[in-house]
Amino acid sequence: MPVYDYKCREHGLFNTLATMEDSAKPVACPTCQALSPRVIVLPPEIANMDPAKRAAQARKVDAVLHR
């Protein structure tokens, strides 16, 4: 079962196991039990990447996928 990231408004990020079928559903925060939405967390290497380099990487991936 995959691990997904969720974000509680009060307590921040947490992760939990969920089926792929249930991955889009909110999950109770382990601290306060408030329903929290799933979030996509980018690794710092991607989030902080130079925009020109990110665009070049995207073009490279697109070219490989559409050979």
N, C-alpha and C. Protein backbone atom coordinates (compact mmCIF):
# COMPACT_ATOMS: atom_id res chain seq x y z
N MET A 1 0.85 -1.17 0.00
CA MET A 1 0.00 0.00 0.00
C MET A 1 0.90 1.24 0.00
N PRO A 2 0.60 2.21 -0.88
CA PRO A 2 1.43 3.42 -0.97
C PRO A 2 1.26 4.36 0.23
N VAL A 3 2.28 5.16 0.45
CA VAL A 3 2.24 6.21 1.48
C VAL A 3 1.92 7.53 0.78
N TYR A 4 0.95 8.26 1.31
CA TYR A 4 0.54 9.55 0.74
C TYR A 4 0.74 10.65 1.77
N ASP A 5 0.95 11.88 1.28
CA ASP A 5 1.12 13.04 2.15
C ASP A 5 -0.20 13.80 2.27
N TYR A 6 -0.47 14.26 3.49
CA TYR A 6 -1.67 15.04 3.79
C TYR A 6 -1.25 16.24 4.62
N LYS A 7 -2.11 17.27 4.67
CA LYS A 7 -1.75 18.47 5.44
C LYS A 7 -2.92 18.94 6.28
N CYS A 8 -2.70 18.92 7.58
CA CYS A 8 -3.67 19.43 8.55
C CYS A 8 -3.46 20.95 8.67
N ARG A 9 -4.55 21.70 8.71
CA ARG A 9 -4.43 23.16 8.85
C ARG A 9 -3.73 23.55 10.15
N GLU A 10 -3.96 22.77 11.18
CA GLU A 10 -3.41 23.10 12.51
C GLU A 10 -2.01 22.51 12.74
N HIS A 11 -1.78 21.27 12.27
CA HIS A 11 -0.55 20.56 12.62
C HIS A 11 0.40 20.30 11.46
N GLY A 12 0.05 20.72 10.27
CA GLY A 12 0.97 20.60 9.14
C GLY A 12 0.97 19.24 8.47
N LEU A 13 2.10 18.94 7.84
CA LEU A 13 2.21 17.72 7.03
C LEU A 13 2.29 16.45 7.88
N PHE A 14 1.68 15.40 7.33
CA PHE A 14 1.83 14.05 7.88
C PHE A 14 1.60 13.09 6.73
N ASN A 15 2.03 11.86 6.89
CA ASN A 15 1.80 10.87 5.84
C ASN A 15 1.21 9.62 6.44
N THR A 16 0.53 8.88 5.58
CA THR A 16 -0.13 7.67 6.03
C THR A 16 -0.31 6.71 4.85
N LEU A 17 -0.50 5.45 5.17
CA LEU A 17 -0.80 4.46 4.15
C LEU A 17 -2.24 4.58 3.72
N ALA A 18 -2.48 4.41 2.42
CA ALA A 18 -3.85 4.43 1.90
C ALA A 18 -3.87 3.62 0.61
N THR A 19 -5.01 3.05 0.32
CA THR A 19 -5.15 2.37 -0.96
C THR A 19 -5.18 3.42 -2.06
N MET A 20 -4.87 3.03 -3.27
CA MET A 20 -4.93 3.98 -4.38
C MET A 20 -6.36 4.48 -4.55
N GLU A 21 -7.31 3.61 -4.29
CA GLU A 21 -8.73 3.99 -4.40
C GLU A 21 -9.10 5.09 -3.42
N ASP A 22 -8.53 5.05 -2.23
CA ASP A 22 -8.86 6.02 -1.18
C ASP A 22 -7.89 7.21 -1.11
N SER A 23 -6.89 7.25 -1.97
CA SER A 23 -5.83 8.26 -1.85
C SER A 23 -6.33 9.69 -1.98
N ALA A 24 -7.39 9.94 -2.71
CA ALA A 24 -7.89 11.31 -2.88
C ALA A 24 -8.81 11.76 -1.75
N LYS A 25 -9.23 10.83 -0.92
CA LYS A 25 -10.15 11.17 0.18
C LYS A 25 -9.38 11.80 1.34
N PRO A 26 -9.98 12.76 2.03
CA PRO A 26 -9.33 13.33 3.22
C PRO A 26 -9.11 12.27 4.28
N VAL A 27 -8.08 12.49 5.10
CA VAL A 27 -7.71 11.56 6.16
C VAL A 27 -7.66 12.33 7.47
N ALA A 28 -8.01 11.68 8.56
CA ALA A 28 -7.97 12.32 9.88
C ALA A 28 -6.53 12.58 10.32
N CYS A 29 -6.28 13.80 10.76
CA CYS A 29 -4.97 14.15 11.32
C CYS A 29 -4.70 13.27 12.53
N PRO A 30 -3.50 12.71 12.66
CA PRO A 30 -3.21 11.84 13.80
C PRO A 30 -3.20 12.57 15.14
N THR A 31 -3.07 13.90 15.12
CA THR A 31 -3.02 14.68 16.36
C THR A 31 -4.39 15.17 16.80
N CYS A 32 -5.16 15.77 15.86
CA CYS A 32 -6.43 16.38 16.25
C CYS A 32 -7.66 15.74 15.60
N GLN A 33 -7.44 14.78 14.72
CA GLN A 33 -8.51 14.06 14.02
C GLN A 33 -9.29 14.90 13.00
N ALA A 34 -8.83 16.12 12.71
CA ALA A 34 -9.48 16.94 11.68
C ALA A 34 -9.23 16.31 10.31
N LEU A 35 -10.26 16.30 9.46
CA LEU A 35 -10.07 15.76 8.12
C LEU A 35 -9.12 16.67 7.35
N SER A 36 -8.11 16.05 6.73
CA SER A 36 -7.05 16.80 6.06
C SER A 36 -6.90 16.31 4.63
N PRO A 37 -6.76 17.25 3.67
CA PRO A 37 -6.64 16.86 2.26
C PRO A 37 -5.25 16.34 1.92
N ARG A 38 -5.22 15.54 0.87
CA ARG A 38 -3.95 15.04 0.35
C ARG A 38 -3.24 16.20 -0.34
N VAL A 39 -1.92 16.23 -0.24
CA VAL A 39 -1.10 17.24 -0.90
C VAL A 39 0.02 16.54 -1.67
N ILE A 40 0.52 17.21 -2.69
CA ILE A 40 1.66 16.72 -3.44
C ILE A 40 2.87 17.51 -2.96
N VAL A 41 3.85 16.81 -2.43
CA VAL A 41 5.05 17.46 -1.90
C VAL A 41 6.20 17.21 -2.88
N LEU A 42 6.74 18.29 -3.42
CA LEU A 42 7.87 18.18 -4.34
C LEU A 42 9.17 18.10 -3.57
N PRO A 43 10.09 17.24 -4.01
CA PRO A 43 11.42 17.23 -3.38
C PRO A 43 12.09 18.59 -3.57
N PRO A 44 12.92 19.03 -2.63
CA PRO A 44 13.58 20.33 -2.73
C PRO A 44 14.40 20.47 -4.02
N GLU A 45 14.95 19.35 -4.51
CA GLU A 45 15.75 19.40 -5.73
C GLU A 45 14.92 19.87 -6.92
N ILE A 46 13.64 19.58 -6.91
CA ILE A 46 12.76 20.01 -7.99
C ILE A 46 12.14 21.37 -7.67
N ALA A 47 11.68 21.54 -6.46
CA ALA A 47 11.03 22.79 -6.08
C ALA A 47 11.97 23.99 -6.21
N ASN A 48 13.25 23.80 -5.92
CA ASN A 48 14.22 24.89 -5.95
C ASN A 48 15.02 24.95 -7.25
N MET A 49 14.68 24.11 -8.22
CA MET A 49 15.42 24.04 -9.47
C MET A 49 15.23 25.32 -10.29
N ASP A 50 16.28 25.74 -10.96
CA ASP A 50 16.22 26.88 -11.86
C ASP A 50 15.13 26.63 -12.90
N PRO A 51 14.23 27.61 -13.15
CA PRO A 51 13.13 27.40 -14.08
C PRO A 51 13.58 26.96 -15.48
N ALA A 52 14.71 27.48 -15.97
CA ALA A 52 15.19 27.09 -17.30
C ALA A 52 15.60 25.62 -17.30
N LYS A 53 16.25 25.18 -16.24
CA LYS A 53 16.66 23.77 -16.14
C LYS A 53 15.43 22.87 -16.02
N ARG A 54 14.43 23.31 -15.25
CA ARG A 54 13.21 22.53 -15.11
C ARG A 54 12.50 22.36 -16.46
N ALA A 55 12.46 23.44 -17.25
CA ALA A 55 11.83 23.39 -18.58
C ALA A 55 12.62 22.45 -19.50
N ALA A 56 13.94 22.50 -19.42
CA ALA A 56 14.77 21.61 -20.25
C ALA A 56 14.53 20.15 -19.87
N GLN A 57 14.43 19.88 -18.57
CA GLN A 57 14.15 18.51 -18.11
C GLN A 57 12.79 18.05 -18.61
N ALA A 58 11.80 18.92 -18.57
CA ALA A 58 10.46 18.57 -19.03
C ALA A 58 10.46 18.26 -20.52
N ARG A 59 11.21 19.04 -21.31
CA ARG A 59 11.31 18.78 -22.75
C ARG A 59 11.99 17.43 -23.00
N LYS A 60 13.02 17.14 -22.22
CA LYS A 60 13.75 15.88 -22.37
C LYS A 60 12.82 14.70 -22.08
N VAL A 61 12.06 14.77 -21.00
CA VAL A 61 11.13 13.70 -20.65
C VAL A 61 10.06 13.57 -21.72
N ASP A 62 9.54 14.69 -22.19
CA ASP A 62 8.51 14.66 -23.23
C ASP A 62 9.04 14.00 -24.50
N ALA A 63 10.30 14.31 -24.88
CA ALA A 63 10.88 13.71 -26.08
C ALA A 63 11.03 12.20 -25.92
N VAL A 64 11.42 11.74 -24.75
CA VAL A 64 11.58 10.29 -24.51
C VAL A 64 10.21 9.59 -24.57
N LEU A 65 9.20 10.22 -24.00
CA LEU A 65 7.88 9.60 -23.96
C LEU A 65 7.21 9.56 -25.32
N HIS A 66 7.58 10.46 -26.21
CA HIS A 66 6.90 10.54 -27.52
C HIS A 66 7.80 10.13 -28.69
N ARG A 67 8.69 9.20 -28.45
CA ARG A 67 9.56 8.71 -29.52
C ARG A 67 8.77 7.93 -30.52
